[in-house]
Amino acid sequence: MFEVVCISFAFFFGLAVRQVGLPPLVGFLAAGFAINLLGPSLGMPSKSGDILNHVAHLGVLILLFTVGLKLKLRQIAQPQVLGGALLHFSISVAVFTPGLHLLLETDWQTSLLLGIALSFSSTVLAAKLLESRRELAVFHGRTAIGILIVQDIIALVVLAVFSGQSPNIWALGIFLLPFVRPLLYWLLDFAGHDELLVLMGMLLALVIGGMGFTAMGLSSEIGALVMGVLLSNHRRSQELAESLWGLREVFLVGFFLQIGMSGLPDADALLFALGVGLMLPLKGLLVVV
């Protein structure tokens, strides 16, 4: 019953928003809210379950892996990427932190954490929208993804500092990854063009990148992205990305459903979302400047 309702709601809501020129992911989010609202009367759980959460996480990892396949490492080190990301982060935190402290009357540490969170953007949403518009490979698409990757690295450091957790000794293994690249190239050539190619992509994204980096105390999302970047210069990287396309899209539906099913917004949440939404043009202007 759970699968029937999720797939049906996702399809019809995605189809509906597409008719008014919006991307289907907006419909998937709306489907999640609808399931949250109507689910109990249909015998559905009011919250997303462990299975949907797991599917959503797999979709994110595969998406970031395929984004990495289209990204060159030198693009992240460019001035407009590093400078844009670091300046945007610094100015945003400097503006948001005291503003939240005054408006919400929170303590300084909470205000700082909220300010840091509001300085970030969603890598998944941005990558999905850029790819749907075929803009990942153009200059502004590459720059945007590069900035998002730098933000993810900053977020990883912030989480390590404030949570008290830090990478373990095995994290030093990431310095050996460049030496593993020739083996990965050989495996990609040896895998052929059929289902083994898909399985290799899943192995790199989910097992080595996802589970491997988690075992080292690092972010699984960063791991999947790094594994994609390692193969980005291979002549078959585009073929590998295309082979994972359908699988990734199905899993990502679970990601957007999960967000909608996480709970219906109350009046305070709607007001906060409205305030943050009004600040989005200012954030965009700051990046451009």
C-alpha atoms as a PDB file:
ATOM      1  CA  MET A   1       0.000   0.000   0.000  1.00  0.00           C
ATOM      2  CA  PHE A   2       2.838   2.381   0.879  1.00  0.00           C
ATOM      3  CA  GLU A   3       4.508   1.965  -2.527  1.00  0.00           C
ATOM      4  CA  VAL A   4       1.175   2.285  -4.387  1.00  0.00           C
ATOM      5  CA  VAL A   5       0.282   5.589  -2.731  1.00  0.00           C
ATOM      6  CA  CYS A   6       3.794   7.081  -3.010  1.00  0.00           C
ATOM      7  CA  ILE A   7       4.222   6.245  -6.700  1.00  0.00           C
ATOM      8  CA  SER A   8       0.681   7.325  -7.616  1.00  0.00           C
ATOM      9  CA  PHE A   9       0.844  10.640  -5.752  1.00  0.00           C
ATOM     10  CA  ALA A  10       4.338  11.409  -7.087  1.00  0.00           C
ATOM     11  CA  PHE A  11       3.326  10.733 -10.697  1.00  0.00           C
ATOM     12  CA  PHE A  12       0.086  12.736 -10.739  1.00  0.00           C
ATOM     13  CA  PHE A  13       1.421  15.686  -8.739  1.00  0.00           C
ATOM     14  CA  GLY A  14       4.571  15.779 -10.888  1.00  0.00           C
ATOM     15  CA  LEU A  15       2.413  15.657 -14.028  1.00  0.00           C
ATOM     16  CA  ALA A  16       0.195  18.466 -12.720  1.00  0.00           C
ATOM     17  CA  VAL A  17       2.971  20.950 -11.936  1.00  0.00           C
ATOM     18  CA  ARG A  18       4.657  20.228 -15.247  1.00  0.00           C
ATOM     19  CA  GLN A  19       1.566  21.560 -17.026  1.00  0.00           C
ATOM     20  CA  VAL A  20       2.131  24.990 -15.460  1.00  0.00           C
ATOM     21  CA  GLY A  21       5.838  25.094 -16.346  1.00  0.00           C
ATOM     22  CA  LEU A  22       7.283  24.014 -12.988  1.00  0.00           C
ATOM     23  CA  PRO A  23       9.846  21.207 -12.633  1.00  0.00           C
ATOM     24  CA  PRO A  24       8.389  17.838 -11.535  1.00  0.00           C
ATOM     25  CA  LEU A  25      10.371  17.925  -8.285  1.00  0.00           C
ATOM     26  CA  VAL A  26       7.974  20.632  -7.050  1.00  0.00           C
ATOM     27  CA  GLY A  27       5.151  18.156  -7.607  1.00  0.00           C
ATOM     28  CA  PHE A  28       7.059  15.459  -5.734  1.00  0.00           C
ATOM     29  CA  LEU A  29       7.411  17.796  -2.758  1.00  0.00           C
ATOM     30  CA  ALA A  30       3.691  18.573  -2.934  1.00  0.00           C
ATOM     31  CA  ALA A  31       2.969  14.837  -3.126  1.00  0.00           C
ATOM     32  CA  GLY A  32       4.911  14.341   0.101  1.00  0.00           C
ATOM     33  CA  PHE A  33       2.830  17.000   1.858  1.00  0.00           C
ATOM     34  CA  ALA A  34      -0.371  15.444   0.475  1.00  0.00           C
ATOM     35  CA  ILE A  35       0.631  12.002   1.742  1.00  0.00           C
ATOM     36  CA  ASN A  36       1.417  13.511   5.124  1.00  0.00           C
ATOM     37  CA  LEU A  37      -2.037  15.121   5.209  1.00  0.00           C
ATOM     38  CA  LEU A  38      -4.117  12.286   3.746  1.00  0.00           C
ATOM     39  CA  GLY A  39      -1.945   9.317   4.612  1.00  0.00           C
ATOM     40  CA  PRO A  40      -3.535   8.347   7.951  1.00  0.00           C
ATOM     41  CA  SER A  41      -6.966   8.071   6.330  1.00  0.00           C
ATOM     42  CA  LEU A  42      -5.423   5.741   3.707  1.00  0.00           C
ATOM     43  CA  GLY A  43      -3.694   3.580   6.285  1.00  0.00           C
ATOM     44  CA  MET A  44      -0.319   5.236   5.659  1.00  0.00           C
ATOM     45  CA  PRO A  45       2.197   6.274   8.328  1.00  0.00           C
ATOM     46  CA  SER A  46       2.234  10.008   9.057  1.00  0.00           C
ATOM     47  CA  LYS A  47       6.031  10.151   8.773  1.00  0.00           C
ATOM     48  CA  SER A  48       8.444   8.830   6.160  1.00  0.00           C
ATOM     49  CA  GLY A  49       9.763   5.419   7.161  1.00  0.00           C
ATOM     50  CA  ASP A  50      13.260   4.008   7.254  1.00  0.00           C
ATOM     51  CA  ILE A  51      12.903   2.466   3.794  1.00  0.00           C
ATOM     52  CA  LEU A  52      11.991   5.775   2.135  1.00  0.00           C
ATOM     53  CA  ASN A  53      14.790   7.549   4.019  1.00  0.00           C
ATOM     54  CA  HIS A  54      17.256   4.935   2.784  1.00  0.00           C
ATOM     55  CA  VAL A  55      16.031   5.210  -0.816  1.00  0.00           C
ATOM     56  CA  ALA A  56      16.283   9.005  -0.603  1.00  0.00           C
ATOM     57  CA  HIS A  57      19.869   8.783   0.644  1.00  0.00           C
ATOM     58  CA  LEU A  58      20.807   6.433  -2.203  1.00  0.00           C
ATOM     59  CA  GLY A  59      19.344   8.894  -4.692  1.00  0.00           C
ATOM     60  CA  VAL A  60      21.413  11.757  -3.252  1.00  0.00           C
ATOM     61  CA  LEU A  61      24.620   9.715  -3.392  1.00  0.00           C
ATOM     62  CA  ILE A  62      24.075   8.654  -7.009  1.00  0.00           C
ATOM     63  CA  LEU A  63      23.176  12.225  -8.007  1.00  0.00           C
ATOM     64  CA  LEU A  64      26.350  13.638  -6.464  1.00  0.00           C
ATOM     65  CA  PHE A  65      28.413  10.872  -8.048  1.00  0.00           C
ATOM     66  CA  THR A  66      27.081  11.748 -11.508  1.00  0.00           C
ATOM     67  CA  VAL A  67      27.652  15.459 -10.826  1.00  0.00           C
ATOM     68  CA  GLY A  68      31.265  14.616  -9.950  1.00  0.00           C
ATOM     69  CA  LEU A  69      31.624  12.768 -13.271  1.00  0.00           C
ATOM     70  CA  LYS A  70      30.970  16.077 -15.047  1.00  0.00           C
ATOM     71  CA  LEU A  71      33.240  18.167 -12.833  1.00  0.00           C
ATOM     72  CA  LYS A  72      36.970  18.728 -13.174  1.00  0.00           C
ATOM     73  CA  LEU A  73      39.025  19.260 -10.030  1.00  0.00           C
ATOM     74  CA  ARG A  74      40.695  22.362 -11.443  1.00  0.00           C
ATOM     75  CA  GLN A  75      37.274  24.012 -11.757  1.00  0.00           C
ATOM     76  CA  ILE A  76      36.874  24.043  -7.963  1.00  0.00           C
ATOM     77  CA  ALA A  77      40.218  25.839  -7.480  1.00  0.00           C
ATOM     78  CA  GLN A  78      39.256  28.754  -9.736  1.00  0.00           C
ATOM     79  CA  PRO A  79      39.083  32.237  -8.118  1.00  0.00           C
ATOM     80  CA  GLN A  80      35.395  32.792  -8.840  1.00  0.00           C
ATOM     81  CA  VAL A  81      34.571  29.512  -7.079  1.00  0.00           C
ATOM     82  CA  LEU A  82      36.743  29.752  -3.967  1.00  0.00           C
ATOM     83  CA  GLY A  83      36.421  33.521  -3.696  1.00  0.00           C
ATOM     84  CA  GLY A  84      32.685  33.489  -4.328  1.00  0.00           C
ATOM     85  CA  ALA A  85      32.044  30.691  -1.832  1.00  0.00           C
ATOM     86  CA  LEU A  86      34.229  32.050   0.982  1.00  0.00           C
ATOM     87  CA  LEU A  87      33.139  35.698   0.608  1.00  0.00           C
ATOM     88  CA  HIS A  88      29.477  34.727   0.373  1.00  0.00           C
ATOM     89  CA  PHE A  89      29.802  32.523   3.474  1.00  0.00           C
ATOM     90  CA  SER A  90      31.619  35.182   5.506  1.00  0.00           C
ATOM     91  CA  ILE A  91      29.284  38.055   4.637  1.00  0.00           C
ATOM     92  CA  SER A  92      26.143  35.927   5.075  1.00  0.00           C
ATOM     93  CA  VAL A  93      27.195  34.720   8.525  1.00  0.00           C
ATOM     94  CA  ALA A  94      28.218  38.263   9.532  1.00  0.00           C
ATOM     95  CA  VAL A  95      24.765  39.575   8.555  1.00  0.00           C
ATOM     96  CA  PHE A  96      22.534  36.669   9.630  1.00  0.00           C
ATOM     97  CA  THR A  97      24.051  35.959  13.052  1.00  0.00           C
ATOM     98  CA  PRO A  98      23.413  39.338  14.742  1.00  0.00           C
ATOM     99  CA  GLY A  99      20.115  39.702  12.875  1.00  0.00           C
ATOM    100  CA  LEU A 100      18.815  36.388  14.185  1.00  0.00           C
ATOM    101  CA  HIS A 101      20.125  37.196  17.677  1.00  0.00           C
ATOM    102  CA  LEU A 102      18.088  40.405  17.724  1.00  0.00           C
ATOM    103  CA  LEU A 103      14.947  39.140  15.994  1.00  0.00           C
ATOM    104  CA  LEU A 104      14.609  35.670  17.532  1.00  0.00           C
ATOM    105  CA  GLU A 105      16.330  36.512  20.836  1.00  0.00           C
ATOM    106  CA  THR A 106      18.405  33.339  20.654  1.00  0.00           C
ATOM    107  CA  ASP A 107      21.804  32.956  22.317  1.00  0.00           C
ATOM    108  CA  TRP A 108      24.898  33.747  20.273  1.00  0.00           C
ATOM    109  CA  GLN A 109      25.892  30.127  19.615  1.00  0.00           C
ATOM    110  CA  THR A 110      22.415  29.219  18.328  1.00  0.00           C
ATOM    111  CA  SER A 111      22.341  32.390  16.236  1.00  0.00           C
ATOM    112  CA  LEU A 112      25.764  31.531  14.807  1.00  0.00           C
ATOM    113  CA  LEU A 113      24.670  28.004  13.865  1.00  0.00           C
ATOM    114  CA  LEU A 114      21.486  29.327  12.240  1.00  0.00           C
ATOM    115  CA  GLY A 115      23.489  31.982  10.397  1.00  0.00           C
ATOM    116  CA  ILE A 116      25.896  29.342   9.096  1.00  0.00           C
ATOM    117  CA  ALA A 117      22.993  27.103   8.023  1.00  0.00           C
ATOM    118  CA  LEU A 118      21.290  29.963   6.166  1.00  0.00           C
ATOM    119  CA  SER A 119      24.510  30.765   4.298  1.00  0.00           C
ATOM    120  CA  PHE A 120      24.409  27.345   2.604  1.00  0.00           C
ATOM    121  CA  SER A 121      22.379  26.207  -0.384  1.00  0.00           C
ATOM    122  CA  SER A 122      20.977  22.810  -1.309  1.00  0.00           C
ATOM    123  CA  THR A 123      23.461  20.971  -3.518  1.00  0.00           C
ATOM    124  CA  VAL A 124      20.838  18.379  -4.455  1.00  0.00           C
ATOM    125  CA  LEU A 125      18.187  20.897  -5.544  1.00  0.00           C
ATOM    126  CA  ALA A 126      20.650  23.085  -7.435  1.00  0.00           C
ATOM    127  CA  ALA A 127      22.305  20.163  -9.212  1.00  0.00           C
ATOM    128  CA  LYS A 128      18.924  18.689 -10.147  1.00  0.00           C
ATOM    129  CA  LEU A 129      17.644  21.983 -11.569  1.00  0.00           C
ATOM    130  CA  LEU A 130      20.866  22.755 -13.445  1.00  0.00           C
ATOM    131  CA  GLU A 131      20.920  19.293 -14.972  1.00  0.00           C
ATOM    132  CA  SER A 132      17.258  19.446 -16.004  1.00  0.00           C
ATOM    133  CA  ARG A 133      18.062  22.704 -17.843  1.00  0.00           C
ATOM    134  CA  ARG A 134      21.246  21.194 -19.347  1.00  0.00           C
ATOM    135  CA  GLU A 135      23.393  23.857 -17.670  1.00  0.00           C
ATOM    136  CA  LEU A 136      25.800  21.716 -15.638  1.00  0.00           C
ATOM    137  CA  ALA A 137      28.509  21.909 -18.299  1.00  0.00           C
ATOM    138  CA  VAL A 138      28.285  25.663 -19.004  1.00  0.00           C
ATOM    139  CA  PHE A 139      30.311  28.285 -17.149  1.00  0.00           C
ATOM    140  CA  HIS A 140      27.693  29.429 -14.641  1.00  0.00           C
ATOM    141  CA  GLY A 141      26.618  25.833 -13.972  1.00  0.00           C
ATOM    142  CA  ARG A 142      30.188  24.690 -13.271  1.00  0.00           C
ATOM    143  CA  THR A 143      30.782  27.738 -11.083  1.00  0.00           C
ATOM    144  CA  ALA A 144      27.587  27.186  -9.103  1.00  0.00           C
ATOM    145  CA  ILE A 145      28.369  23.520  -8.472  1.00  0.00           C
ATOM    146  CA  GLY A 146      31.924  24.428  -7.467  1.00  0.00           C
ATOM    147  CA  ILE A 147      30.620  26.947  -4.928  1.00  0.00           C
ATOM    148  CA  LEU A 148      28.201  24.352  -3.563  1.00  0.00           C
ATOM    149  CA  ILE A 149      31.036  21.833  -3.143  1.00  0.00           C
ATOM    150  CA  VAL A 150      33.073  24.380  -1.172  1.00  0.00           C
ATOM    151  CA  GLN A 151      29.979  25.015   0.972  1.00  0.00           C
ATOM    152  CA  ASP A 152      29.655  21.275   1.604  1.00  0.00           C
ATOM    153  CA  ILE A 153      33.286  21.134   2.751  1.00  0.00           C
ATOM    154  CA  ILE A 154      32.677  24.079   5.092  1.00  0.00           C
ATOM    155  CA  ALA A 155      29.555  22.340   6.422  1.00  0.00           C
ATOM    156  CA  LEU A 156      31.599  19.202   7.094  1.00  0.00           C
ATOM    157  CA  VAL A 157      34.099  21.221   9.151  1.00  0.00           C
ATOM    158  CA  VAL A 158      31.308  23.002  11.054  1.00  0.00           C
ATOM    159  CA  LEU A 159      29.606  19.700  11.896  1.00  0.00           C
ATOM    160  CA  ALA A 160      32.902  18.258  13.109  1.00  0.00           C
ATOM    161  CA  VAL A 161      33.548  21.286  15.348  1.00  0.00           C
ATOM    162  CA  PHE A 162      30.097  21.668  16.892  1.00  0.00           C
ATOM    163  CA  SER A 163      29.234  17.979  17.203  1.00  0.00           C
ATOM    164  CA  GLY A 164      32.540  17.093  18.783  1.00  0.00           C
ATOM    165  CA  GLN A 165      33.107  14.375  16.179  1.00  0.00           C
ATOM    166  CA  SER A 166      36.166  14.287  13.983  1.00  0.00           C
ATOM    167  CA  PRO A 167      37.459  11.997  11.216  1.00  0.00           C
ATOM    168  CA  ASN A 168      39.285   8.902  12.440  1.00  0.00           C
ATOM    169  CA  ILE A 169      42.776   7.775  11.504  1.00  0.00           C
ATOM    170  CA  TRP A 170      41.463   5.999   8.390  1.00  0.00           C
ATOM    171  CA  ALA A 171      40.536   9.383   6.907  1.00  0.00           C
ATOM    172  CA  LEU A 172      44.202   9.729   5.908  1.00  0.00           C
ATOM    173  CA  GLY A 173      43.353   7.173   3.226  1.00  0.00           C
ATOM    174  CA  ILE A 174      41.806   9.913   1.082  1.00  0.00           C
ATOM    175  CA  PHE A 175      45.349  11.026   0.187  1.00  0.00           C
ATOM    176  CA  LEU A 176      45.836   7.652  -1.502  1.00  0.00           C
ATOM    177  CA  LEU A 177      42.837   8.112  -3.816  1.00  0.00           C
ATOM    178  CA  PRO A 178      44.851   9.697  -6.685  1.00  0.00           C
ATOM    179  CA  PHE A 179      47.028   6.578  -6.733  1.00  0.00           C
ATOM    180  CA  VAL A 180      43.904   4.399  -7.045  1.00  0.00           C
ATOM    181  CA  ARG A 181      42.705   6.276 -10.130  1.00  0.00           C
ATOM    182  CA  PRO A 182      44.562   4.053 -12.670  1.00  0.00           C
ATOM    183  CA  LEU A 183      42.862   0.983 -11.147  1.00  0.00           C
ATOM    184  CA  LEU A 184      39.456   2.664 -11.402  1.00  0.00           C
ATOM    185  CA  TYR A 185      40.163   3.569 -15.035  1.00  0.00           C
ATOM    186  CA  TRP A 186      41.053  -0.037 -15.781  1.00  0.00           C
ATOM    187  CA  LEU A 187      37.889  -1.310 -14.067  1.00  0.00           C
ATOM    188  CA  LEU A 188      35.739   1.140 -16.029  1.00  0.00           C
ATOM    189  CA  ASP A 189      37.244  -0.055 -19.302  1.00  0.00           C
ATOM    190  CA  PHE A 190      36.899  -3.687 -18.240  1.00  0.00           C
ATOM    191  CA  ALA A 191      33.255  -3.362 -17.080  1.00  0.00           C
ATOM    192  CA  GLY A 192      31.824  -3.209 -20.597  1.00  0.00           C
ATOM    193  CA  HIS A 193      28.631  -1.415 -21.596  1.00  0.00           C
ATOM    194  CA  ASP A 194      25.793  -3.345 -19.931  1.00  0.00           C
ATOM    195  CA  GLU A 195      24.563  -3.981 -16.392  1.00  0.00           C
ATOM    196  CA  LEU A 196      28.129  -4.343 -15.079  1.00  0.00           C
ATOM    197  CA  LEU A 197      28.668  -0.667 -15.902  1.00  0.00           C
ATOM    198  CA  VAL A 198      25.634   0.270 -13.782  1.00  0.00           C
ATOM    199  CA  LEU A 199      26.837  -1.954 -10.944  1.00  0.00           C
ATOM    200  CA  MET A 200      30.278  -0.378 -11.070  1.00  0.00           C
ATOM    201  CA  GLY A 201      28.733   3.071 -10.766  1.00  0.00           C
ATOM    202  CA  MET A 202      26.713   1.945  -7.754  1.00  0.00           C
ATOM    203  CA  LEU A 203      29.796   0.314  -6.229  1.00  0.00           C
ATOM    204  CA  LEU A 204      31.783   3.545  -6.481  1.00  0.00           C
ATOM    205  CA  ALA A 205      28.952   5.869  -5.394  1.00  0.00           C
ATOM    206  CA  LEU A 206      27.343   3.829  -2.615  1.00  0.00           C
ATOM    207  CA  VAL A 207      29.970   1.408  -1.345  1.00  0.00           C
ATOM    208  CA  ILE A 208      33.370   3.073  -1.743  1.00  0.00           C
ATOM    209  CA  GLY A 209      32.205   6.698  -1.747  1.00  0.00           C
ATOM    210  CA  GLY A 210      29.223   6.416   0.594  1.00  0.00           C
ATOM    211  CA  MET A 211      29.970   3.654   3.079  1.00  0.00           C
ATOM    212  CA  GLY A 212      33.760   4.024   2.760  1.00  0.00           C
ATOM    213  CA  PHE A 213      33.827   7.712   3.655  1.00  0.00           C
ATOM    214  CA  THR A 214      31.305   7.170   6.466  1.00  0.00           C
ATOM    215  CA  ALA A 215      33.624   4.537   7.962  1.00  0.00           C
ATOM    216  CA  MET A 216      36.397   7.163   7.909  1.00  0.00           C
ATOM    217  CA  GLY A 217      34.209   9.635   9.807  1.00  0.00           C
ATOM    218  CA  LEU A 218      33.613  11.751   6.708  1.00  0.00           C
ATOM    219  CA  SER A 219      30.463  12.701   4.798  1.00  0.00           C
ATOM    220  CA  SER A 220      29.077  10.010   2.514  1.00  0.00           C
ATOM    221  CA  GLU A 221      27.842  12.751   0.162  1.00  0.00           C
ATOM    222  CA  ILE A 222      31.348  14.166  -0.185  1.00  0.00           C
ATOM    223  CA  GLY A 223      32.606  10.622  -0.755  1.00  0.00           C
ATOM    224  CA  ALA A 224      30.219   9.979  -3.641  1.00  0.00           C
ATOM    225  CA  LEU A 225      31.148  13.324  -5.203  1.00  0.00           C
ATOM    226  CA  VAL A 226      34.889  12.639  -4.863  1.00  0.00           C
ATOM    227  CA  MET A 227      34.567   9.237  -6.539  1.00  0.00           C
ATOM    228  CA  GLY A 228      32.822  10.881  -9.475  1.00  0.00           C
ATOM    229  CA  VAL A 229      35.514  13.569  -9.767  1.00  0.00           C
ATOM    230  CA  LEU A 230      38.212  10.860  -9.835  1.00  0.00           C
ATOM    231  CA  LEU A 231      36.660   9.448 -13.010  1.00  0.00           C
ATOM    232  CA  SER A 232      35.657  12.754 -14.608  1.00  0.00           C
ATOM    233  CA  ASN A 233      38.599  12.757 -17.041  1.00  0.00           C
ATOM    234  CA  HIS A 234      37.926   9.232 -18.302  1.00  0.00           C
ATOM    235  CA  ARG A 235      36.639   8.988 -21.865  1.00  0.00           C
ATOM    236  CA  ARG A 236      33.650   6.891 -20.682  1.00  0.00           C
ATOM    237  CA  SER A 237      32.592   9.122 -17.771  1.00  0.00           C
ATOM    238  CA  GLN A 238      29.605  10.457 -19.728  1.00  0.00           C
ATOM    239  CA  GLU A 239      28.494   6.924 -20.618  1.00  0.00           C
ATOM    240  CA  LEU A 240      28.714   5.926 -16.948  1.00  0.00           C
ATOM    241  CA  ALA A 241      26.617   8.940 -15.919  1.00  0.00           C
ATOM    242  CA  GLU A 242      23.961   8.148 -18.526  1.00  0.00           C
ATOM    243  CA  SER A 243      23.788   4.497 -17.447  1.00  0.00           C
ATOM    244  CA  LEU A 244      22.839   5.614 -13.902  1.00  0.00           C
ATOM    245  CA  TRP A 245      20.316   8.242 -15.021  1.00  0.00           C
ATOM    246  CA  GLY A 246      17.077   6.234 -14.701  1.00  0.00           C
ATOM    247  CA  LEU A 247      18.072   4.618 -11.407  1.00  0.00           C
ATOM    248  CA  ARG A 248      19.058   7.948  -9.928  1.00  0.00           C
ATOM    249  CA  GLU A 249      15.827   9.675 -10.970  1.00  0.00           C
ATOM    250  CA  VAL A 250      13.666   6.995  -9.320  1.00  0.00           C
ATOM    251  CA  PHE A 251      15.626   7.166  -6.063  1.00  0.00           C
ATOM    252  CA  LEU A 252      15.508  10.974  -6.046  1.00  0.00           C
ATOM    253  CA  VAL A 253      11.707  10.871  -6.088  1.00  0.00           C
ATOM    254  CA  GLY A 254      12.048   9.286  -2.662  1.00  0.00           C
ATOM    255  CA  PHE A 255      14.227  12.209  -1.551  1.00  0.00           C
ATOM    256  CA  PHE A 256      11.608  14.822  -2.421  1.00  0.00           C
ATOM    257  CA  LEU A 257       8.767  12.713  -1.008  1.00  0.00           C
ATOM    258  CA  GLN A 258      10.730  12.360   2.215  1.00  0.00           C
ATOM    259  CA  ILE A 259      10.994  16.144   2.591  1.00  0.00           C
ATOM    260  CA  GLY A 260       7.249  16.568   2.120  1.00  0.00           C
ATOM    261  CA  MET A 261       6.404  13.716   4.479  1.00  0.00           C
ATOM    262  CA  SER A 262       8.683  15.029   7.230  1.00  0.00           C
ATOM    263  CA  GLY A 263       5.819  17.180   8.521  1.00  0.00           C
ATOM    264  CA  LEU A 264       3.323  19.854   7.590  1.00  0.00           C
ATOM    265  CA  PRO A 265       4.539  23.413   8.243  1.00  0.00           C
ATOM    266  CA  ASP A 266       2.779  25.370  10.973  1.00  0.00           C
ATOM    267  CA  ALA A 267       2.206  29.138  11.023  1.00  0.00           C
ATOM    268  CA  ASP A 268       5.630  29.886  12.517  1.00  0.00           C
ATOM    269  CA  ALA A 269       7.370  27.723   9.916  1.00  0.00           C
ATOM    270  CA  LEU A 270       5.479  29.432   7.078  1.00  0.00           C
ATOM    271  CA  LEU A 271       6.403  32.892   8.375  1.00  0.00           C
ATOM    272  CA  PHE A 272      10.039  31.865   8.726  1.00  0.00           C
ATOM    273  CA  ALA A 273      10.010  30.380   5.210  1.00  0.00           C
ATOM    274  CA  LEU A 274       8.471  33.583   3.845  1.00  0.00           C
ATOM    275  CA  GLY A 275      11.176  35.678   5.502  1.00  0.00           C
ATOM    276  CA  VAL A 276      13.953  33.446   4.184  1.00  0.00           C
ATOM    277  CA  GLY A 277      12.328  33.427   0.746  1.00  0.00           C
ATOM    278  CA  LEU A 278      12.394  37.225   0.648  1.00  0.00           C
ATOM    279  CA  MET A 279      16.123  37.105   1.370  1.00  0.00           C
ATOM    280  CA  LEU A 280      16.878  34.788  -1.563  1.00  0.00           C
ATOM    281  CA  PRO A 281      17.227  37.632  -4.111  1.00  0.00           C
ATOM    282  CA  LEU A 282      19.696  39.308  -1.737  1.00  0.00           C
ATOM    283  CA  LYS A 283      21.738  36.098  -1.521  1.00  0.00           C
ATOM    284  CA  GLY A 284      21.726  35.789  -5.300  1.00  0.00           C
ATOM    285  CA  LEU A 285      22.807  39.431  -5.665  1.00  0.00           C
ATOM    286  CA  LEU A 286      25.615  38.857  -3.168  1.00  0.00           C
ATOM    287  CA  VAL A 287      26.949  35.907  -5.199  1.00  0.00           C
ATOM    288  CA  VAL A 288      26.866  37.983  -8.407  1.00  0.00           C
ATOM    289  CA  VAL A 289      28.726  40.894  -6.762  1.00  0.00           C
END
